[in-house]
Amino acid sequence: MTNINNVDIMNALEFSTKIEQGLIHLPEQYQAYDNAYVRILVLIETPPSQTTKKQKLLESFKKVQNRKIFATIKNPILWQKKLRDEWE
């Protein structure tokens, strides 16, 4: 941290790494900062949860449902049977 006119100036570094046994390893390109006093902000990357995936799927189904794309089908059972016959 540099102090100019009683104002603290900080440099920001950004990189991704894995915390192993409580240690954060500094990438080679930042070795000039080795043994420097730093302030750390840890942002945890979390994979999308199943709940999030489920929620997105439900939202997609609701959008399709609102479009009423099957409203013109008079007999859904017959329509589905014809679709299946196409594969035989």
N, C-alpha and C. Protein backbone atom coordinates (compact mmCIF):
# COMPACT_ATOMS: atom_id res chain seq x y z
N MET A 1 0.85 -1.16 0.00
CA MET A 1 0.00 0.00 0.00
C MET A 1 0.90 1.23 0.00
N THR A 2 0.59 2.15 -0.85
CA THR A 2 1.34 3.40 -0.96
C THR A 2 0.54 4.51 -0.31
N ASN A 3 1.24 5.45 0.33
CA ASN A 3 0.56 6.57 0.97
C ASN A 3 1.01 7.85 0.29
N ILE A 4 0.08 8.54 -0.36
CA ILE A 4 0.37 9.81 -1.03
C ILE A 4 -0.56 10.86 -0.43
N ASN A 5 0.03 11.92 0.14
CA ASN A 5 -0.74 13.00 0.77
C ASN A 5 -1.75 12.45 1.78
N ASN A 6 -1.29 11.53 2.61
CA ASN A 6 -2.13 10.90 3.64
C ASN A 6 -3.32 10.13 3.08
N VAL A 7 -3.24 9.73 1.82
CA VAL A 7 -4.29 8.90 1.21
C VAL A 7 -3.66 7.56 0.87
N ASP A 8 -4.27 6.49 1.36
CA ASP A 8 -3.75 5.16 1.07
C ASP A 8 -4.14 4.75 -0.35
N ILE A 9 -3.16 4.33 -1.12
CA ILE A 9 -3.39 3.84 -2.48
C ILE A 9 -3.15 2.34 -2.46
N MET A 10 -4.08 1.58 -2.98
CA MET A 10 -3.93 0.12 -2.99
C MET A 10 -3.86 -0.38 -4.43
N ASN A 11 -3.11 -1.43 -4.63
CA ASN A 11 -3.09 -2.13 -5.92
C ASN A 11 -4.02 -3.33 -5.80
N ALA A 12 -4.74 -3.61 -6.85
CA ALA A 12 -5.65 -4.76 -6.86
C ALA A 12 -5.11 -5.83 -7.79
N LEU A 13 -5.10 -7.05 -7.31
CA LEU A 13 -4.70 -8.21 -8.10
C LEU A 13 -5.90 -9.15 -8.16
N GLU A 14 -6.10 -9.77 -9.30
CA GLU A 14 -7.19 -10.74 -9.40
C GLU A 14 -6.66 -12.01 -10.04
N PHE A 15 -6.90 -13.12 -9.37
CA PHE A 15 -6.54 -14.43 -9.90
C PHE A 15 -7.39 -15.48 -9.20
N SER A 16 -7.52 -16.62 -9.82
CA SER A 16 -8.26 -17.74 -9.24
C SER A 16 -7.26 -18.77 -8.73
N THR A 17 -7.55 -19.32 -7.59
CA THR A 17 -6.69 -20.34 -7.01
C THR A 17 -7.50 -21.18 -6.05
N LYS A 18 -6.90 -22.22 -5.56
CA LYS A 18 -7.55 -23.09 -4.59
C LYS A 18 -6.88 -22.87 -3.24
N ILE A 19 -7.68 -22.68 -2.21
CA ILE A 19 -7.13 -22.56 -0.86
C ILE A 19 -6.84 -23.98 -0.38
N GLU A 20 -5.58 -24.24 -0.08
CA GLU A 20 -5.17 -25.57 0.36
C GLU A 20 -4.60 -25.50 1.76
N GLN A 21 -5.26 -26.18 2.68
CA GLN A 21 -4.86 -26.21 4.09
C GLN A 21 -4.68 -24.80 4.64
N GLY A 22 -5.57 -23.91 4.25
CA GLY A 22 -5.54 -22.54 4.75
C GLY A 22 -4.55 -21.62 4.06
N LEU A 23 -3.88 -22.10 3.01
CA LEU A 23 -2.88 -21.29 2.33
C LEU A 23 -3.35 -20.88 0.94
N ILE A 24 -3.08 -19.64 0.59
CA ILE A 24 -3.34 -19.13 -0.76
C ILE A 24 -1.99 -18.93 -1.42
N HIS A 25 -1.75 -19.63 -2.51
CA HIS A 25 -0.47 -19.52 -3.20
C HIS A 25 -0.53 -18.39 -4.23
N LEU A 26 0.47 -17.54 -4.20
CA LEU A 26 0.56 -16.40 -5.10
C LEU A 26 1.13 -16.85 -6.45
N PRO A 27 0.42 -16.60 -7.56
CA PRO A 27 0.94 -16.98 -8.88
C PRO A 27 2.28 -16.30 -9.17
N GLU A 28 3.07 -16.94 -10.02
CA GLU A 28 4.42 -16.44 -10.32
C GLU A 28 4.44 -14.99 -10.78
N GLN A 29 3.45 -14.58 -11.60
CA GLN A 29 3.49 -13.21 -12.13
C GLN A 29 3.31 -12.16 -11.04
N TYR A 30 2.91 -12.58 -9.83
CA TYR A 30 2.73 -11.64 -8.72
C TYR A 30 3.78 -11.82 -7.62
N GLN A 31 4.88 -12.49 -7.90
CA GLN A 31 5.90 -12.74 -6.88
C GLN A 31 6.52 -11.46 -6.34
N ALA A 32 6.43 -10.36 -7.07
CA ALA A 32 6.95 -9.08 -6.56
C ALA A 32 6.22 -8.67 -5.27
N TYR A 33 5.03 -9.19 -5.06
CA TYR A 33 4.24 -8.87 -3.87
C TYR A 33 4.46 -9.86 -2.73
N ASP A 34 5.40 -10.80 -2.90
CA ASP A 34 5.69 -11.79 -1.86
C ASP A 34 6.12 -11.06 -0.58
N ASN A 35 5.60 -11.50 0.54
CA ASN A 35 5.88 -10.94 1.87
C ASN A 35 5.30 -9.54 2.07
N ALA A 36 4.43 -9.09 1.19
CA ALA A 36 3.78 -7.78 1.35
C ALA A 36 2.58 -7.94 2.29
N TYR A 37 2.23 -6.86 2.95
CA TYR A 37 1.02 -6.84 3.77
C TYR A 37 -0.16 -6.65 2.82
N VAL A 38 -1.15 -7.51 2.90
CA VAL A 38 -2.29 -7.45 1.97
C VAL A 38 -3.60 -7.52 2.74
N ARG A 39 -4.63 -7.04 2.10
CA ARG A 39 -5.99 -7.21 2.59
C ARG A 39 -6.65 -8.18 1.62
N ILE A 40 -7.23 -9.24 2.13
CA ILE A 40 -7.78 -10.31 1.29
C ILE A 40 -9.31 -10.28 1.32
N LEU A 41 -9.89 -10.39 0.16
CA LEU A 41 -11.33 -10.57 0.00
C LEU A 41 -11.50 -11.87 -0.77
N VAL A 42 -12.12 -12.86 -0.17
CA VAL A 42 -12.28 -14.16 -0.81
C VAL A 42 -13.68 -14.25 -1.39
N LEU A 43 -13.76 -14.50 -2.69
CA LEU A 43 -15.04 -14.71 -3.37
C LEU A 43 -15.10 -16.19 -3.75
N ILE A 44 -16.02 -16.91 -3.18
CA ILE A 44 -16.13 -18.35 -3.41
C ILE A 44 -16.95 -18.60 -4.67
N GLU A 45 -16.37 -19.36 -5.60
CA GLU A 45 -17.10 -19.75 -6.81
C GLU A 45 -17.87 -21.02 -6.48
N THR A 46 -19.19 -20.93 -6.54
CA THR A 46 -20.00 -22.11 -6.25
C THR A 46 -20.73 -22.53 -7.51
N PRO A 47 -20.75 -23.83 -7.78
CA PRO A 47 -21.48 -24.30 -8.96
C PRO A 47 -22.97 -24.09 -8.77
N PRO A 48 -23.71 -23.93 -9.87
CA PRO A 48 -25.16 -23.78 -9.74
C PRO A 48 -25.75 -24.98 -9.00
N SER A 49 -26.61 -24.72 -8.07
CA SER A 49 -27.20 -25.81 -7.30
C SER A 49 -28.32 -26.46 -8.09
N GLN A 50 -28.71 -27.63 -7.63
CA GLN A 50 -29.82 -28.34 -8.25
C GLN A 50 -31.09 -27.50 -8.16
N THR A 51 -31.24 -26.76 -7.06
CA THR A 51 -32.42 -25.91 -6.91
C THR A 51 -32.46 -24.87 -8.01
N THR A 52 -31.32 -24.28 -8.31
CA THR A 52 -31.26 -23.27 -9.36
C THR A 52 -31.63 -23.89 -10.71
N LYS A 53 -31.08 -25.06 -11.01
CA LYS A 53 -31.39 -25.73 -12.26
C LYS A 53 -32.88 -26.08 -12.32
N LYS A 54 -33.40 -26.56 -11.20
CA LYS A 54 -34.82 -26.92 -11.14
C LYS A 54 -35.68 -25.68 -11.35
N GLN A 55 -35.29 -24.57 -10.73
CA GLN A 55 -36.06 -23.33 -10.86
C GLN A 55 -36.06 -22.84 -12.31
N LYS A 56 -34.91 -22.92 -12.98
CA LYS A 56 -34.83 -22.50 -14.38
C LYS A 56 -35.71 -23.37 -15.26
N LEU A 57 -35.73 -24.67 -14.99
CA LEU A 57 -36.56 -25.58 -15.77
C LEU A 57 -38.04 -25.27 -15.56
N LEU A 58 -38.43 -25.03 -14.32
CA LEU A 58 -39.82 -24.68 -14.03
C LEU A 58 -40.23 -23.38 -14.72
N GLU A 59 -39.33 -22.40 -14.72
CA GLU A 59 -39.62 -21.13 -15.39
C GLU A 59 -39.80 -21.34 -16.89
N SER A 60 -38.99 -22.21 -17.48
CA SER A 60 -39.11 -22.50 -18.91
C SER A 60 -40.45 -23.15 -19.21
N PHE A 61 -40.84 -24.11 -18.36
CA PHE A 61 -42.14 -24.78 -18.56
C PHE A 61 -43.29 -23.78 -18.45
N LYS A 62 -43.19 -22.85 -17.52
CA LYS A 62 -44.25 -21.85 -17.36
C LYS A 62 -44.35 -20.95 -18.58
N LYS A 63 -43.20 -20.58 -19.16
CA LYS A 63 -43.21 -19.76 -20.37
C LYS A 63 -43.90 -20.49 -21.51
N VAL A 64 -43.58 -21.76 -21.68
CA VAL A 64 -44.19 -22.56 -22.75
C VAL A 64 -45.69 -22.70 -22.48
N GLN A 65 -46.04 -22.93 -21.23
CA GLN A 65 -47.44 -23.08 -20.88
C GLN A 65 -48.23 -21.81 -21.20
N ASN A 66 -47.66 -20.67 -20.94
CA ASN A 66 -48.34 -19.40 -21.21
C ASN A 66 -48.52 -19.13 -22.70
N ARG A 67 -47.67 -19.74 -23.53
CA ARG A 67 -47.78 -19.53 -24.97
C ARG A 67 -48.91 -20.36 -25.58
N LYS A 68 -49.41 -21.35 -24.86
CA LYS A 68 -50.52 -22.20 -25.29
C LYS A 68 -50.27 -22.79 -26.68
N ILE A 69 -49.07 -23.37 -26.85
CA ILE A 69 -48.69 -23.88 -28.17
C ILE A 69 -49.48 -25.13 -28.57
N PHE A 70 -50.11 -25.80 -27.61
CA PHE A 70 -50.88 -26.99 -27.94
C PHE A 70 -52.39 -26.74 -27.92
N ALA A 71 -52.80 -25.50 -27.84
CA ALA A 71 -54.23 -25.17 -27.72
C ALA A 71 -55.04 -25.61 -28.93
N THR A 72 -54.42 -25.71 -30.09
CA THR A 72 -55.17 -26.07 -31.30
C THR A 72 -55.36 -27.57 -31.46
N ILE A 73 -54.76 -28.37 -30.60
CA ILE A 73 -54.88 -29.83 -30.71
C ILE A 73 -56.20 -30.26 -30.08
N LYS A 74 -57.07 -30.82 -30.92
CA LYS A 74 -58.42 -31.21 -30.46
C LYS A 74 -58.38 -32.49 -29.63
N ASN A 75 -57.60 -33.48 -30.10
CA ASN A 75 -57.53 -34.77 -29.41
C ASN A 75 -56.06 -35.06 -29.10
N PRO A 76 -55.58 -34.71 -27.92
CA PRO A 76 -54.17 -34.87 -27.59
C PRO A 76 -53.68 -36.32 -27.65
N ILE A 77 -54.54 -37.26 -27.29
CA ILE A 77 -54.14 -38.68 -27.31
C ILE A 77 -53.90 -39.13 -28.74
N LEU A 78 -54.81 -38.80 -29.65
CA LEU A 78 -54.65 -39.17 -31.05
C LEU A 78 -53.42 -38.46 -31.65
N TRP A 79 -53.24 -37.21 -31.33
CA TRP A 79 -52.09 -36.44 -31.82
C TRP A 79 -50.78 -37.09 -31.39
N GLN A 80 -50.71 -37.48 -30.13
CA GLN A 80 -49.49 -38.11 -29.61
C GLN A 80 -49.27 -39.48 -30.26
N LYS A 81 -50.34 -40.22 -30.48
CA LYS A 81 -50.23 -41.53 -31.12
C LYS A 81 -49.67 -41.39 -32.54
N LYS A 82 -50.14 -40.38 -33.27
CA LYS A 82 -49.64 -40.14 -34.62
C LYS A 82 -48.15 -39.80 -34.60
N LEU A 83 -47.73 -39.02 -33.62
CA LEU A 83 -46.31 -38.69 -33.50
C LEU A 83 -45.47 -39.93 -33.26
N ARG A 84 -45.96 -40.82 -32.44
CA ARG A 84 -45.22 -42.05 -32.14
C ARG A 84 -45.16 -42.96 -33.36
N ASP A 85 -46.22 -42.97 -34.16
CA ASP A 85 -46.24 -43.80 -35.36
C ASP A 85 -45.20 -43.36 -36.38
N GLU A 86 -44.80 -42.10 -36.35
CA GLU A 86 -43.79 -41.61 -37.29
C GLU A 86 -42.45 -42.30 -37.08
N TRP A 87 -42.19 -42.79 -35.90
CA TRP A 87 -40.90 -43.41 -35.58
C TRP A 87 -40.87 -44.90 -35.92
N GLU A 88 -41.98 -45.46 -36.23
CA GLU A 88 -42.01 -46.91 -36.53
C GLU A 88 -41.89 -47.17 -38.00
